[in-house]
N, C-alpha and C. Protein backbone atom coordinates (compact mmCIF):
# COMPACT_ATOMS: atom_id res chain seq x y z
N MET A 1 205.15 191.67 137.18
CA MET A 1 204.50 190.94 136.50
C MET A 1 204.61 190.95 134.81
N PRO A 2 205.82 191.42 134.37
CA PRO A 2 205.94 191.72 132.97
C PRO A 2 205.73 190.41 132.08
N GLY A 3 206.15 189.17 132.71
CA GLY A 3 205.97 187.85 131.98
C GLY A 3 204.50 187.67 131.66
N LYS A 4 203.77 187.80 132.57
CA LYS A 4 202.35 187.71 132.48
C LYS A 4 201.57 188.64 131.33
N THR A 5 201.99 189.89 131.41
CA THR A 5 201.51 190.73 130.38
C THR A 5 202.03 190.43 128.79
N ARG A 6 203.23 190.12 128.97
CA ARG A 6 203.67 189.75 127.66
C ARG A 6 203.00 188.41 126.97
N ALA A 7 202.72 187.29 127.83
CA ALA A 7 202.18 186.27 127.49
C ALA A 7 200.71 186.62 127.10
N LEU A 8 199.87 187.45 127.87
CA LEU A 8 198.46 187.82 127.44
C LEU A 8 198.57 188.59 126.08
N VAL A 9 199.56 189.55 125.83
CA VAL A 9 199.61 190.32 124.51
C VAL A 9 199.88 189.25 123.28
N THR A 10 200.68 188.31 123.73
CA THR A 10 201.13 187.39 122.43
C THR A 10 199.77 186.48 122.20
N ALA A 11 199.11 186.18 123.30
CA ALA A 11 197.86 185.37 123.17
C ALA A 11 196.81 186.09 122.37
N LEU A 12 196.63 187.39 122.78
CA LEU A 12 195.66 188.22 121.88
C LEU A 12 195.98 188.43 120.57
N ARG A 13 197.34 188.66 120.32
CA ARG A 13 197.81 188.61 118.97
C ARG A 13 197.35 187.55 117.99
N PHE A 14 197.96 186.40 118.78
CA PHE A 14 197.67 185.05 117.84
C PHE A 14 196.17 184.84 117.74
N GLY A 15 195.25 185.19 118.98
CA GLY A 15 193.89 185.05 118.83
C GLY A 15 193.24 185.90 117.57
N ALA A 16 193.77 187.06 117.51
CA ALA A 16 193.20 187.89 116.44
C ALA A 16 193.55 187.53 115.23
N LYS A 17 194.78 186.91 115.07
CA LYS A 17 195.27 186.44 113.84
C LYS A 17 194.69 185.06 113.39
N TYR A 18 194.78 184.29 114.09
CA TYR A 18 194.26 182.80 113.73
C TYR A 18 192.94 182.43 114.33
N GLY A 19 192.16 183.26 115.03
CA GLY A 19 190.86 183.02 115.81
C GLY A 19 189.84 182.76 114.65
N PRO A 20 189.67 183.48 113.65
CA PRO A 20 188.72 183.24 112.41
C PRO A 20 188.84 181.86 111.84
N MET A 21 190.15 181.46 111.60
CA MET A 21 190.34 180.29 110.86
C MET A 21 190.17 179.09 111.85
N ALA A 22 190.41 179.33 113.17
CA ALA A 22 190.10 178.24 114.00
C ALA A 22 188.67 177.96 114.35
N TYR A 23 187.87 179.11 114.30
CA TYR A 23 186.48 178.86 114.42
C TYR A 23 185.84 178.23 113.26
N GLU A 24 186.50 178.67 111.98
CA GLU A 24 185.73 178.02 110.74
C GLU A 24 186.03 176.43 110.75
N ALA A 25 187.36 176.22 111.29
CA ALA A 25 187.69 174.85 111.14
C ALA A 25 186.95 173.96 112.10
N ALA A 26 186.64 174.69 113.36
CA ALA A 26 185.65 173.84 114.23
C ALA A 26 184.29 173.59 113.77
N LYS A 27 183.92 174.76 113.32
CA LYS A 27 182.40 174.94 112.74
C LYS A 27 182.42 173.82 111.64
N HIS A 28 183.47 173.69 110.72
CA HIS A 28 183.10 172.74 109.44
C HIS A 28 183.66 171.24 109.90
N GLY A 29 184.42 171.13 110.90
CA GLY A 29 184.75 169.95 111.22
C GLY A 29 184.00 168.98 111.99
N ARG A 30 183.16 169.80 112.76
CA ARG A 30 182.21 169.19 113.74
C ARG A 30 181.23 168.29 112.88
N ARG A 31 180.70 168.54 112.03
CA ARG A 31 179.77 167.76 111.24
C ARG A 31 180.19 166.40 110.80
N PRO A 32 181.43 166.19 110.07
CA PRO A 32 181.94 165.11 109.66
C PRO A 32 182.37 164.39 110.91
N ALA A 33 182.79 164.63 111.95
CA ALA A 33 183.07 164.00 113.15
C ALA A 33 181.76 163.46 113.91
N GLN A 34 180.72 164.33 113.80
CA GLN A 34 179.58 163.69 114.37
C GLN A 34 178.82 162.46 113.37
N ALA A 35 179.06 162.67 112.13
CA ALA A 35 178.40 161.77 111.14
C ALA A 35 179.20 160.37 111.41
N VAL A 36 180.55 160.43 111.61
CA VAL A 36 181.27 159.27 111.81
C VAL A 36 181.04 158.45 113.12
N THR A 37 180.80 159.44 114.26
CA THR A 37 180.40 158.68 115.45
C THR A 37 178.99 158.10 115.28
N HIS A 38 178.14 158.96 114.68
CA HIS A 38 176.89 158.35 114.55
C HIS A 38 176.61 157.06 113.57
N GLY A 39 177.73 157.10 112.74
CA GLY A 39 177.62 155.77 111.72
C GLY A 39 178.16 154.55 112.51
N SER A 40 179.11 154.77 113.39
CA SER A 40 179.66 153.61 114.25
C SER A 40 178.71 153.29 115.33
N LEU A 41 178.01 154.04 115.87
CA LEU A 41 176.96 153.85 116.98
C LEU A 41 175.96 152.92 116.29
N THR A 42 175.48 153.51 114.89
CA THR A 42 174.23 152.77 114.22
C THR A 42 174.80 151.46 113.86
N ARG A 43 176.04 151.05 113.46
CA ARG A 43 176.35 149.84 113.10
C ARG A 43 176.70 148.80 114.32
N ILE A 44 177.08 149.23 115.40
CA ILE A 44 176.99 148.48 116.54
C ILE A 44 175.51 148.20 117.07
N GLY A 45 174.76 149.03 117.13
CA GLY A 45 173.34 148.99 117.49
C GLY A 45 172.65 148.03 116.35
N ALA A 46 172.87 148.00 115.20
CA ALA A 46 172.13 147.20 114.24
C ALA A 46 172.65 145.74 114.50
N ARG A 47 173.95 145.48 114.85
CA ARG A 47 174.53 144.13 115.21
C ARG A 47 173.89 143.64 116.51
N ARG A 48 173.82 144.54 117.45
CA ARG A 48 173.18 144.06 118.75
C ARG A 48 171.75 143.55 118.44
N GLN A 49 170.93 144.36 117.77
CA GLN A 49 169.59 144.05 117.35
C GLN A 49 169.38 142.83 116.60
N ALA A 50 170.18 142.64 115.78
CA ALA A 50 170.19 141.47 114.76
C ALA A 50 170.45 140.16 115.69
N LEU A 51 171.36 140.23 116.41
CA LEU A 51 171.70 138.89 117.48
C LEU A 51 170.61 138.71 118.48
N GLN A 52 170.03 139.67 118.85
CA GLN A 52 168.94 139.70 119.84
C GLN A 52 167.72 139.20 119.19
N HIS A 53 167.23 139.58 117.91
CA HIS A 53 166.25 139.07 117.11
C HIS A 53 166.56 137.54 116.77
N ALA A 54 167.78 137.33 116.39
CA ALA A 54 168.29 135.87 116.07
C ALA A 54 168.14 135.08 117.31
N SER A 55 168.21 135.36 118.46
CA SER A 55 168.20 134.64 119.73
C SER A 55 166.78 134.27 119.96
N SER A 56 165.86 135.12 119.61
CA SER A 56 164.43 134.66 119.83
C SER A 56 163.83 133.88 118.87
N LEU A 57 164.64 133.40 117.85
CA LEU A 57 164.15 132.66 116.72
C LEU A 57 164.69 130.90 117.00
N ILE A 58 164.00 129.98 116.55
CA ILE A 58 164.43 128.90 116.53
C ILE A 58 165.61 128.58 115.57
N ASP A 59 166.71 128.18 115.99
CA ASP A 59 167.86 128.05 115.06
C ASP A 59 168.27 129.36 114.45
N GLY A 60 168.12 130.34 115.18
CA GLY A 60 168.33 131.56 114.73
C GLY A 60 169.95 131.98 114.43
N SER A 61 170.30 132.84 113.56
CA SER A 61 171.44 133.22 113.31
C SER A 61 171.50 134.47 112.54
N ALA A 62 172.58 135.13 112.40
CA ALA A 62 172.68 136.60 111.69
C ALA A 62 174.05 136.63 110.84
N MET A 63 173.99 137.35 109.81
CA MET A 63 175.01 137.56 108.84
C MET A 63 175.18 138.88 108.35
N ARG A 64 176.39 139.58 108.37
CA ARG A 64 176.65 140.81 108.15
C ARG A 64 176.94 140.71 106.31
N VAL A 65 176.32 141.59 105.69
CA VAL A 65 176.37 141.89 104.51
C VAL A 65 176.27 143.49 104.06
N PHE A 66 176.93 143.64 102.89
CA PHE A 66 176.92 144.96 102.51
C PHE A 66 176.27 145.44 101.28
N HIS A 67 175.63 146.40 101.31
CA HIS A 67 174.86 146.91 100.29
C HIS A 67 175.47 148.31 99.74
N GLY A 68 176.32 148.41 98.89
CA GLY A 68 177.18 149.60 98.79
C GLY A 68 178.07 149.80 99.60
N ASP A 69 177.96 151.08 100.44
CA ASP A 69 179.05 151.03 101.56
C ASP A 69 178.21 151.03 102.86
N LYS A 70 177.04 150.58 102.92
CA LYS A 70 176.26 150.23 103.95
C LYS A 70 176.05 148.93 104.62
N GLN A 71 176.44 148.84 105.92
CA GLN A 71 176.60 147.37 106.43
C GLN A 71 174.88 147.01 106.93
N VAL A 72 174.52 145.92 106.34
CA VAL A 72 173.22 145.37 106.72
C VAL A 72 173.53 143.93 107.49
N TRP A 73 172.69 143.87 108.44
CA TRP A 73 172.63 142.43 109.16
C TRP A 73 171.50 141.58 108.73
N VAL A 74 171.41 140.47 108.15
CA VAL A 74 170.31 139.69 107.76
C VAL A 74 170.25 138.73 108.85
N VAL A 75 169.04 138.31 109.36
CA VAL A 75 168.55 137.42 110.28
C VAL A 75 168.01 136.27 109.78
N PHE A 76 168.26 135.21 110.21
CA PHE A 76 167.90 133.65 109.67
C PHE A 76 167.34 132.85 110.70
N THR A 77 166.29 132.13 110.36
CA THR A 77 165.75 131.13 111.12
C THR A 77 165.99 129.88 110.42
N GLY A 78 166.90 129.04 110.74
CA GLY A 78 167.41 127.80 110.04
C GLY A 78 168.12 128.36 108.85
N ASP A 79 167.60 128.13 107.70
CA ASP A 79 168.17 128.46 106.30
C ASP A 79 167.33 129.67 105.78
N LEU A 80 166.28 130.09 106.47
CA LEU A 80 165.37 131.06 105.72
C LEU A 80 165.61 132.34 106.25
N PRO A 81 165.99 133.51 105.37
CA PRO A 81 166.26 134.64 105.92
C PRO A 81 164.97 135.40 106.24
N VAL A 82 164.79 136.13 107.22
CA VAL A 82 163.39 136.47 107.98
C VAL A 82 163.49 138.15 107.77
N ALA A 83 164.52 138.71 108.31
CA ALA A 83 164.64 140.10 108.40
C ALA A 83 166.00 140.77 108.27
N THR A 84 165.99 142.20 108.09
CA THR A 84 167.34 142.91 108.06
C THR A 84 167.29 144.02 109.29
N HIS A 85 168.51 144.22 109.60
CA HIS A 85 168.72 145.26 110.54
C HIS A 85 170.05 146.05 110.20
N PRO A 86 169.78 147.32 109.96
CA PRO A 86 168.78 148.17 109.83
C PRO A 86 167.75 147.91 108.77
N ARG A 87 166.40 148.19 108.86
CA ARG A 87 165.53 147.92 107.79
C ARG A 87 166.23 148.43 106.43
N SER A 88 165.95 147.64 105.28
CA SER A 88 166.47 148.13 104.04
C SER A 88 165.19 147.90 103.12
N ASN A 89 165.12 148.81 101.97
CA ASN A 89 164.32 148.71 101.00
C ASN A 89 164.75 147.59 99.90
N VAL A 90 166.01 147.10 99.90
CA VAL A 90 166.57 146.32 98.81
C VAL A 90 166.08 144.89 99.39
N PRO A 91 165.47 144.07 98.45
CA PRO A 91 165.14 142.74 98.61
C PRO A 91 166.33 141.76 99.47
N ILE A 92 165.87 140.97 100.27
CA ILE A 92 166.78 140.17 100.96
C ILE A 92 167.66 139.22 99.87
N ALA A 93 166.90 138.66 98.92
CA ALA A 93 167.64 137.80 97.99
C ALA A 93 168.65 138.65 97.39
N GLN A 94 168.60 139.83 97.04
CA GLN A 94 169.50 140.64 96.35
C GLN A 94 170.63 140.77 97.20
N LEU A 95 170.33 141.05 98.48
CA LEU A 95 171.67 141.24 99.52
C LEU A 95 172.31 139.99 99.60
N LEU A 96 171.54 138.83 99.51
CA LEU A 96 172.40 137.49 99.83
C LEU A 96 172.82 136.90 98.60
N GLN A 97 172.83 137.68 97.40
CA GLN A 97 173.22 137.26 96.10
C GLN A 97 174.57 136.45 95.89
N HIS A 98 175.44 137.18 96.43
CA HIS A 98 177.17 136.75 96.45
C HIS A 98 177.40 136.55 97.84
N ALA A 99 176.62 136.21 98.75
CA ALA A 99 177.21 135.99 100.18
C ALA A 99 177.41 134.58 100.42
N ASP A 100 178.53 134.54 101.41
CA ASP A 100 178.84 133.08 101.87
C ASP A 100 178.00 132.73 102.96
N LEU A 101 177.13 131.83 102.79
CA LEU A 101 176.18 131.75 104.03
C LEU A 101 176.84 131.07 105.23
N SER A 102 178.16 130.39 104.98
CA SER A 102 178.75 129.63 105.99
C SER A 102 179.32 130.53 107.06
N ARG A 103 179.14 132.00 106.80
CA ARG A 103 179.84 133.14 107.78
C ARG A 103 178.92 133.58 108.65
N ARG A 104 177.73 132.89 108.88
CA ARG A 104 176.65 133.31 109.75
C ARG A 104 177.14 133.31 111.09
N VAL A 105 176.76 134.26 111.90
CA VAL A 105 177.15 134.21 113.42
C VAL A 105 175.92 133.83 114.13
N TYR A 106 176.18 132.91 115.18
CA TYR A 106 175.03 132.32 116.08
C TYR A 106 175.13 133.14 117.30
N PRO A 107 173.94 133.48 118.05
CA PRO A 107 173.92 134.25 119.08
C PRO A 107 174.24 133.31 120.46
N ARG A 108 174.91 133.74 121.39
CA ARG A 108 175.21 132.92 122.50
C ARG A 108 174.18 132.43 123.07
N PRO A 109 174.16 131.20 123.61
CA PRO A 109 173.04 130.65 124.25
C PRO A 109 172.45 131.20 125.48
N ALA A 110 171.13 131.23 125.71
CA ALA A 110 170.53 132.09 126.79
C ALA A 110 171.11 131.27 128.07
N VAL A 111 171.27 130.13 128.16
CA VAL A 111 171.57 129.27 129.59
C VAL A 111 173.26 129.02 129.16
N PRO A 112 174.13 129.76 130.17
CA PRO A 112 175.51 129.62 129.95
C PRO A 112 175.82 128.16 130.15
N ALA A 113 176.96 127.77 129.42
CA ALA A 113 177.48 126.29 129.56
C ALA A 113 177.62 125.82 130.66
N ALA A 114 178.29 126.69 131.74
CA ALA A 114 178.62 126.15 133.02
C ALA A 114 177.42 125.78 133.77
N ARG A 115 176.16 126.30 133.38
CA ARG A 115 174.98 125.82 134.25
C ARG A 115 174.13 124.65 133.70
N GLN A 116 174.58 124.21 132.46
CA GLN A 116 173.89 123.10 131.82
C GLN A 116 174.19 121.89 132.56
N LEU A 117 173.45 120.80 132.57
CA LEU A 117 173.85 119.42 133.19
C LEU A 117 174.83 119.02 132.11
N MET A 118 175.64 117.99 132.85
CA MET A 118 176.59 117.37 132.05
C MET A 118 175.97 116.30 131.39
N PRO A 119 176.31 116.02 130.02
CA PRO A 119 175.91 114.87 129.27
C PRO A 119 175.81 113.60 129.94
N GLY A 120 174.63 112.86 129.99
CA GLY A 120 174.73 111.59 130.64
C GLY A 120 174.08 111.59 132.01
N ARG A 121 173.91 112.82 132.64
CA ARG A 121 173.62 113.06 133.95
C ARG A 121 172.15 113.65 133.92
N SER A 122 171.20 113.05 134.84
CA SER A 122 169.96 113.42 134.97
C SER A 122 169.83 114.65 136.16
N ALA A 123 168.69 115.32 136.20
CA ALA A 123 168.81 116.22 137.12
C ALA A 123 168.75 115.64 138.58
N ALA A 124 167.94 114.53 138.65
CA ALA A 124 168.05 113.79 140.00
C ALA A 124 169.27 113.28 140.45
N ALA A 125 170.19 112.94 139.48
CA ALA A 125 171.39 112.46 139.90
C ALA A 125 172.58 113.29 140.07
N SER A 126 172.23 114.71 139.92
CA SER A 126 173.11 115.76 139.87
C SER A 126 173.39 116.05 141.50
N GLY A 127 173.00 115.43 142.39
CA GLY A 127 173.38 115.63 143.89
C GLY A 127 172.23 116.50 144.53
N PRO A 128 172.35 116.70 145.89
CA PRO A 128 171.37 117.36 146.56
C PRO A 128 171.34 118.81 146.23
N PRO A 129 170.36 119.44 146.20
CA PRO A 129 170.28 120.77 145.89
C PRO A 129 171.19 121.82 146.80
N ARG A 130 171.76 122.74 146.42
CA ARG A 130 172.76 123.40 147.17
C ARG A 130 171.94 124.49 147.73
N PRO A 131 172.38 124.81 149.02
CA PRO A 131 171.57 126.01 149.69
C PRO A 131 171.68 127.30 148.85
N SER A 132 170.81 128.12 149.06
CA SER A 132 170.65 129.42 148.47
C SER A 132 171.83 130.25 149.04
N VAL A 133 172.08 131.48 148.20
CA VAL A 133 173.37 132.34 148.80
C VAL A 133 172.81 132.88 150.03
N ALA A 134 171.58 133.19 150.09
CA ALA A 134 170.90 133.79 151.27
C ALA A 134 171.22 132.89 152.61
N ALA A 135 170.82 131.76 152.28
CA ALA A 135 170.95 130.93 153.55
C ALA A 135 172.35 130.56 153.88
N ARG A 136 173.28 130.61 152.81
CA ARG A 136 174.89 130.49 153.18
C ARG A 136 175.22 131.55 154.01
N LEU A 137 174.67 133.08 153.54
CA LEU A 137 175.25 133.98 154.32
C LEU A 137 174.61 134.17 155.86
N ARG A 138 173.50 133.72 155.92
CA ARG A 138 172.98 133.61 157.22
C ARG A 138 173.64 132.59 158.25
N ARG A 139 174.09 131.68 157.74
CA ARG A 139 174.93 130.55 158.54
C ARG A 139 176.21 131.39 158.95
N PRO A 140 176.56 131.28 160.33
CA PRO A 140 177.91 132.00 160.84
C PRO A 140 178.90 130.88 160.38
N THR A 141 180.04 131.56 159.66
CA THR A 141 181.29 130.77 159.31
C THR A 141 182.17 130.61 160.42
N MET A 142 182.30 131.50 161.35
CA MET A 142 183.39 131.33 162.45
C MET A 142 182.70 132.26 163.52
N ARG A 143 183.00 131.76 164.79
CA ARG A 143 182.57 132.44 166.01
C ARG A 143 183.65 133.61 166.50
N ARG A 144 183.20 134.82 166.53
CA ARG A 144 184.14 135.81 167.09
C ARG A 144 183.42 136.47 168.43
N PRO A 145 184.13 136.11 169.59
CA PRO A 145 183.53 136.44 170.94
C PRO A 145 183.37 137.98 171.13
N ASN A 146 184.13 138.67 170.31
CA ASN A 146 184.27 140.15 170.81
C ASN A 146 183.03 140.76 169.96
N LEU A 147 182.16 139.99 169.25
CA LEU A 147 180.91 140.75 168.40
C LEU A 147 179.99 141.43 169.26
N ARG A 148 179.69 142.51 168.92
CA ARG A 148 178.47 143.11 169.82
C ARG A 148 177.35 142.37 169.58
N VAL A 149 176.20 142.38 170.31
CA VAL A 149 175.05 141.86 170.12
C VAL A 149 173.93 142.85 170.08
N LEU A 150 173.39 142.89 168.89
CA LEU A 150 172.13 143.80 168.73
C LEU A 150 171.06 143.73 169.53
N PRO A 151 170.38 144.76 170.10
CA PRO A 151 169.09 144.68 170.88
C PRO A 151 167.94 143.91 170.21
N GLY A 152 167.50 142.99 171.16
CA GLY A 152 166.57 141.96 170.66
C GLY A 152 167.08 140.89 169.94
N ARG A 153 168.60 140.62 169.93
CA ARG A 153 168.87 139.18 169.38
C ARG A 153 169.58 138.45 170.35
N LYS A 154 169.89 137.17 170.25
CA LYS A 154 170.50 136.40 171.14
C LYS A 154 171.68 135.95 170.66
N LEU A 155 172.71 135.63 171.34
CA LEU A 155 173.86 134.96 170.89
C LEU A 155 173.48 133.58 170.60
N PRO A 156 174.12 133.09 169.58
CA PRO A 156 174.15 131.63 169.28
C PRO A 156 174.64 130.63 170.21
N PRO A 157 174.10 129.54 170.46
CA PRO A 157 174.81 128.67 171.66
C PRO A 157 176.17 128.45 171.43
N ALA A 158 177.09 128.44 172.28
CA ALA A 158 178.56 128.21 172.14
C ALA A 158 178.85 126.71 171.70
N SER A 159 179.73 126.45 170.93
CA SER A 159 179.88 124.97 170.61
C SER A 159 181.25 124.61 170.91
């Protein structure tokens, strides 16, 4: 086992030589990495909160603006600015001073477009109501003669 002994001695030698430097680098490098991660998560959370707030308003929208190096989302109802996410002590008018209001983002509608009625069709003309998923699952789709019958259940009549 001379190979293992030699590797262990080399590892101990490098650990003794470079260990203190590696420890200091890890100690001082952790805080900036945590700050970057926390900042990106805060930005994503602020956008989500702003769009959620805008979806609860009539004709709601949100727009990203910057105050210095900080990203702020301004929420609008119609053309009236209502709030900022994250909260800011800077007046909203000052944040929007040089902003292009045509770059506002509108939240997705609460009802997906696929579920909305087509234009020109009423609810009565859309056809008979479809059976629920549970009703469709209860209906047998094909008969299999080798199925076991559970106790207390009867076989459906053969067709």
